Amino acid sequence: MKTPEIDLKELKRLKKENFKERLEFIDKYSEWVKKKTDKEWSKQQKDLIDSQF
């Protein structure tokens, strides 16, 4: 059985793209947190954590 070829250039491009998307998400989320009150933000966090149980 032959192992598949790995395109290192494509892998590098995907890694950069993923990193960029993560940074954009962090920026958007931090803006959202700044706009919300502590009570609203806390409820969102609670709902998220509770949904994991």
PDB file of N, CA and C in Angstrom:
ATOM      1  N   MET A   1       0.848  -1.174   0.000  1.00  0.00           N
ATOM      2  CA  MET A   1       0.000   0.000   0.000  1.00  0.00           C
ATOM      3  C   MET A   1       0.895   1.240   0.000  1.00  0.00           C
ATOM      4  N   LYS A   2       0.601   2.139  -0.912  1.00  0.00           N
ATOM      5  CA  LYS A   2       1.410   3.341  -1.064  1.00  0.00           C
ATOM      6  C   LYS A   2       0.841   4.479  -0.211  1.00  0.00           C
ATOM      7  N   THR A   3       1.724   5.186   0.496  1.00  0.00           N
ATOM      8  CA  THR A   3       1.266   6.325   1.293  1.00  0.00           C
ATOM      9  C   THR A   3       1.014   7.519   0.376  1.00  0.00           C
ATOM     10  N   PRO A   4      -0.001   8.323   0.702  1.00  0.00           N
ATOM     11  CA  PRO A   4      -0.313   9.479  -0.148  1.00  0.00           C
ATOM     12  C   PRO A   4       0.783  10.544  -0.079  1.00  0.00           C
ATOM     13  N   GLU A   5       0.928  11.234  -1.168  1.00  0.00           N
ATOM     14  CA  GLU A   5       1.885  12.344  -1.223  1.00  0.00           C
ATOM     15  C   GLU A   5       1.326  13.522  -0.426  1.00  0.00           C
ATOM     16  N   ILE A   6       2.191  14.240   0.253  1.00  0.00           N
ATOM     17  CA  ILE A   6       1.791  15.413   1.019  1.00  0.00           C
ATOM     18  C   ILE A   6       2.344  16.646   0.318  1.00  0.00           C
ATOM     19  N   ASP A   7       1.437  17.543  -0.012  1.00  0.00           N
ATOM     20  CA  ASP A   7       1.826  18.787  -0.663  1.00  0.00           C
ATOM     21  C   ASP A   7       2.180  19.792   0.434  1.00  0.00           C
ATOM     22  N   LEU A   8       3.456  19.974   0.669  1.00  0.00           N
ATOM     23  CA  LEU A   8       3.902  20.838   1.765  1.00  0.00           C
ATOM     24  C   LEU A   8       3.520  22.297   1.544  1.00  0.00           C
ATOM     25  N   LYS A   9       3.514  22.732   0.304  1.00  0.00           N
ATOM     26  CA  LYS A   9       3.107  24.117   0.013  1.00  0.00           C
ATOM     27  C   LYS A   9       1.641  24.329   0.365  1.00  0.00           C
ATOM     28  N   GLU A  10       0.812  23.362  -0.002  1.00  0.00           N
ATOM     29  CA  GLU A  10      -0.616  23.447   0.317  1.00  0.00           C
ATOM     30  C   GLU A  10      -0.827  23.387   1.824  1.00  0.00           C
ATOM     31  N   LEU A  11      -0.110  22.544   2.489  1.00  0.00           N
ATOM     32  CA  LEU A  11      -0.204  22.431   3.942  1.00  0.00           C
ATOM     33  C   LEU A  11       0.183  23.747   4.619  1.00  0.00           C
ATOM     34  N   LYS A  12       1.233  24.349   4.143  1.00  0.00           N
ATOM     35  CA  LYS A  12       1.688  25.641   4.686  1.00  0.00           C
ATOM     36  C   LYS A  12       0.639  26.727   4.438  1.00  0.00           C
ATOM     37  N   ARG A  13       0.044  26.735   3.241  1.00  0.00           N
ATOM     38  CA  ARG A  13      -0.991  27.709   2.923  1.00  0.00           C
ATOM     39  C   ARG A  13      -2.208  27.536   3.835  1.00  0.00           C
ATOM     40  N   LEU A  14      -2.613  26.299   4.045  1.00  0.00           N
ATOM     41  CA  LEU A  14      -3.749  26.025   4.919  1.00  0.00           C
ATOM     42  C   LEU A  14      -3.470  26.441   6.359  1.00  0.00           C
ATOM     43  N   LYS A  15      -2.260  26.232   6.791  1.00  0.00           N
ATOM     44  CA  LYS A  15      -1.878  26.623   8.149  1.00  0.00           C
ATOM     45  C   LYS A  15      -1.966  28.137   8.318  1.00  0.00           C
ATOM     46  N   LYS A  16      -1.476  28.877   7.325  1.00  0.00           N
ATOM     47  CA  LYS A  16      -1.556  30.337   7.377  1.00  0.00           C
ATOM     48  C   LYS A  16      -3.004  30.812   7.364  1.00  0.00           C
ATOM     49  N   GLU A  17      -3.803  30.182   6.521  1.00  0.00           N
ATOM     50  CA  GLU A  17      -5.218  30.543   6.422  1.00  0.00           C
ATOM     51  C   GLU A  17      -5.933  30.282   7.740  1.00  0.00           C
ATOM     52  N   ASN A  18      -5.670  29.150   8.338  1.00  0.00           N
ATOM     53  CA  ASN A  18      -6.275  28.799   9.616  1.00  0.00           C
ATOM     54  C   ASN A  18      -5.872  29.805  10.697  1.00  0.00           C
ATOM     55  N   PHE A  19      -4.610  30.166  10.723  1.00  0.00           N
ATOM     56  CA  PHE A  19      -4.119  31.127  11.707  1.00  0.00           C
ATOM     57  C   PHE A  19      -4.814  32.477  11.536  1.00  0.00           C
ATOM     58  N   LYS A  20      -4.954  32.905  10.296  1.00  0.00           N
ATOM     59  CA  LYS A  20      -5.623  34.170  10.004  1.00  0.00           C
ATOM     60  C   LYS A  20      -7.080  34.133  10.471  1.00  0.00           C
ATOM     61  N   GLU A  21      -7.780  33.037  10.198  1.00  0.00           N
ATOM     62  CA  GLU A  21      -9.167  32.895  10.623  1.00  0.00           C
ATOM     63  C   GLU A  21      -9.288  32.928  12.147  1.00  0.00           C
ATOM     64  N   ARG A  22      -8.356  32.307  12.829  1.00  0.00           N
ATOM     65  CA  ARG A  22      -8.378  32.312  14.298  1.00  0.00           C
ATOM     66  C   ARG A  22      -8.196  33.726  14.845  1.00  0.00           C
ATOM     67  N   LEU A  23      -7.282  34.473  14.261  1.00  0.00           N
ATOM     68  CA  LEU A  23      -7.069  35.857  14.704  1.00  0.00           C
ATOM     69  C   LEU A  23      -8.305  36.718  14.449  1.00  0.00           C
ATOM     70  N   GLU A  24      -8.943  36.527  13.307  1.00  0.00           N
ATOM     71  CA  GLU A  24     -10.164  37.271  13.003  1.00  0.00           C
ATOM     72  C   GLU A  24     -11.268  36.935  14.008  1.00  0.00           C
ATOM     73  N   PHE A  25     -11.375  35.663  14.350  1.00  0.00           N
ATOM     74  CA  PHE A  25     -12.376  35.258  15.336  1.00  0.00           C
ATOM     75  C   PHE A  25     -12.099  35.921  16.690  1.00  0.00           C
ATOM     76  N   ILE A  26     -10.852  35.920  17.100  1.00  0.00           N
ATOM     77  CA  ILE A  26     -10.487  36.531  18.380  1.00  0.00           C
ATOM     78  C   ILE A  26     -10.836  38.009  18.381  1.00  0.00           C
ATOM     79  N   ASP A  27     -10.553  38.699  17.282  1.00  0.00           N
ATOM     80  CA  ASP A  27     -10.897  40.126  17.184  1.00  0.00           C
ATOM     81  C   ASP A  27     -12.404  40.339  17.303  1.00  0.00           C
ATOM     82  N   LYS A  28     -13.174  39.548  16.571  1.00  0.00           N
ATOM     83  CA  LYS A  28     -14.637  39.694  16.607  1.00  0.00           C
ATOM     84  C   LYS A  28     -15.187  39.371  17.992  1.00  0.00           C
ATOM     85  N   TYR A  29     -14.669  38.317  18.587  1.00  0.00           N
ATOM     86  CA  TYR A  29     -15.164  37.926  19.904  1.00  0.00           C
ATOM     87  C   TYR A  29     -14.805  38.967  20.957  1.00  0.00           C
ATOM     88  N   SER A  30     -13.613  39.499  20.886  1.00  0.00           N
ATOM     89  CA  SER A  30     -13.223  40.510  21.874  1.00  0.00           C
ATOM     90  C   SER A  30     -14.079  41.766  21.733  1.00  0.00           C
ATOM     91  N   GLU A  31     -14.438  42.130  20.503  1.00  0.00           N
ATOM     92  CA  GLU A  31     -15.335  43.272  20.294  1.00  0.00           C
ATOM     93  C   GLU A  31     -16.718  42.982  20.877  1.00  0.00           C
ATOM     94  N   TRP A  32     -17.179  41.764  20.679  1.00  0.00           N
ATOM     95  CA  TRP A  32     -18.474  41.380  21.227  1.00  0.00           C
ATOM     96  C   TRP A  32     -18.462  41.481  22.750  1.00  0.00           C
ATOM     97  N   VAL A  33     -17.409  40.957  23.368  1.00  0.00           N
ATOM     98  CA  VAL A  33     -17.303  40.982  24.835  1.00  0.00           C
ATOM     99  C   VAL A  33     -17.277  42.418  25.345  1.00  0.00           C
ATOM    100  N   LYS A  34     -16.578  43.296  24.653  1.00  0.00           N
ATOM    101  CA  LYS A  34     -16.499  44.703  25.078  1.00  0.00           C
ATOM    102  C   LYS A  34     -17.861  45.392  25.027  1.00  0.00           C
ATOM    103  N   LYS A  35     -18.707  44.982  24.099  1.00  0.00           N
ATOM    104  CA  LYS A  35     -20.011  45.624  23.923  1.00  0.00           C
ATOM    105  C   LYS A  35     -21.065  45.105  24.887  1.00  0.00           C
ATOM    106  N   LYS A  36     -20.857  43.938  25.455  1.00  0.00           N
ATOM    107  CA  LYS A  36     -21.847  43.322  26.336  1.00  0.00           C
ATOM    108  C   LYS A  36     -21.581  43.675  27.798  1.00  0.00           C
ATOM    109  N   THR A  37     -22.645  43.667  28.567  1.00  0.00           N
ATOM    110  CA  THR A  37     -22.477  43.877  30.008  1.00  0.00           C
ATOM    111  C   THR A  37     -21.912  42.595  30.618  1.00  0.00           C
ATOM    112  N   ASP A  38     -21.398  42.724  31.825  1.00  0.00           N
ATOM    113  CA  ASP A  38     -20.869  41.544  32.514  1.00  0.00           C
ATOM    114  C   ASP A  38     -21.954  40.483  32.698  1.00  0.00           C
ATOM    115  N   LYS A  39     -23.163  40.937  32.970  1.00  0.00           N
ATOM    116  CA  LYS A  39     -24.266  40.003  33.187  1.00  0.00           C
ATOM    117  C   LYS A  39     -24.574  39.219  31.899  1.00  0.00           C
ATOM    118  N   GLU A  40     -24.635  39.923  30.772  1.00  0.00           N
ATOM    119  CA  GLU A  40     -24.905  39.250  29.495  1.00  0.00           C
ATOM    120  C   GLU A  40     -23.782  38.265  29.159  1.00  0.00           C
ATOM    121  N   TRP A  41     -22.561  38.721  29.309  1.00  0.00           N
ATOM    122  CA  TRP A  41     -21.403  37.889  28.983  1.00  0.00           C
ATOM    123  C   TRP A  41     -21.376  36.654  29.883  1.00  0.00           C
ATOM    124  N   SER A  42     -21.635  36.847  31.171  1.00  0.00           N
ATOM    125  CA  SER A  42     -21.628  35.730  32.121  1.00  0.00           C
ATOM    126  C   SER A  42     -22.694  34.701  31.767  1.00  0.00           C
ATOM    127  N   LYS A  43     -23.867  35.163  31.372  1.00  0.00           N
ATOM    128  CA  LYS A  43     -24.936  34.236  31.005  1.00  0.00           C
ATOM    129  C   LYS A  43     -24.528  33.420  29.779  1.00  0.00           C
ATOM    130  N   GLN A  44     -23.929  34.044  28.813  1.00  0.00           N
ATOM    131  CA  GLN A  44     -23.467  33.318  27.628  1.00  0.00           C
ATOM    132  C   GLN A  44     -22.463  32.235  28.020  1.00  0.00           C
ATOM    133  N   GLN A  45     -21.539  32.581  28.885  1.00  0.00           N
ATOM    134  CA  GLN A  45     -20.531  31.612  29.320  1.00  0.00           C
ATOM    135  C   GLN A  45     -21.175  30.462  30.089  1.00  0.00           C
ATOM    136  N   LYS A  46     -22.111  30.803  30.948  1.00  0.00           N
ATOM    137  CA  LYS A  46     -22.811  29.776  31.724  1.00  0.00           C
ATOM    138  C   LYS A  46     -23.561  28.825  30.802  1.00  0.00           C
ATOM    139  N   ASP A  47     -24.281  29.386  29.832  1.00  0.00           N
ATOM    140  CA  ASP A  47     -25.033  28.553  28.893  1.00  0.00           C
ATOM    141  C   ASP A  47     -24.104  27.626  28.109  1.00  0.00           C
ATOM    142  N   LEU A  48     -22.987  28.145  27.695  1.00  0.00           N
ATOM    143  CA  LEU A  48     -22.019  27.344  26.951  1.00  0.00           C
ATOM    144  C   LEU A  48     -21.494  26.194  27.818  1.00  0.00           C
ATOM    145  N   ILE A  49     -21.097  26.517  29.027  1.00  0.00           N
ATOM    146  CA  ILE A  49     -20.553  25.494  29.928  1.00  0.00           C
ATOM    147  C   ILE A  49     -21.624  24.463  30.275  1.00  0.00           C
ATOM    148  N   ASP A  50     -22.820  24.925  30.575  1.00  0.00           N
ATOM    149  CA  ASP A  50     -23.909  24.002  30.909  1.00  0.00           C
ATOM    150  C   ASP A  50     -24.258  23.082  29.746  1.00  0.00           C
ATOM    151  N   SER A  51     -24.114  23.582  28.535  1.00  0.00           N
ATOM    152  CA  SER A  51     -24.454  22.751  27.376  1.00  0.00           C
ATOM    153  C   SER A  51     -23.459  21.602  27.178  1.00  0.00           C
ATOM    154  N   GLN A  52     -22.322  21.689  27.819  1.00  0.00           N
ATOM    155  CA  GLN A  52     -21.313  20.643  27.687  1.00  0.00           C
ATOM    156  C   GLN A  52     -21.562  19.462  28.644  1.00  0.00           C
ATOM    157  N   PHE A  53     -22.478  19.661  29.577  1.00  0.00           N
ATOM    158  CA  PHE A  53     -22.761  18.592  30.539  1.00  0.00           C
ATOM    159  C   PHE A  53     -23.902  17.742  30.113  1.00  0.00           C
TER     160      PHE A  53
END
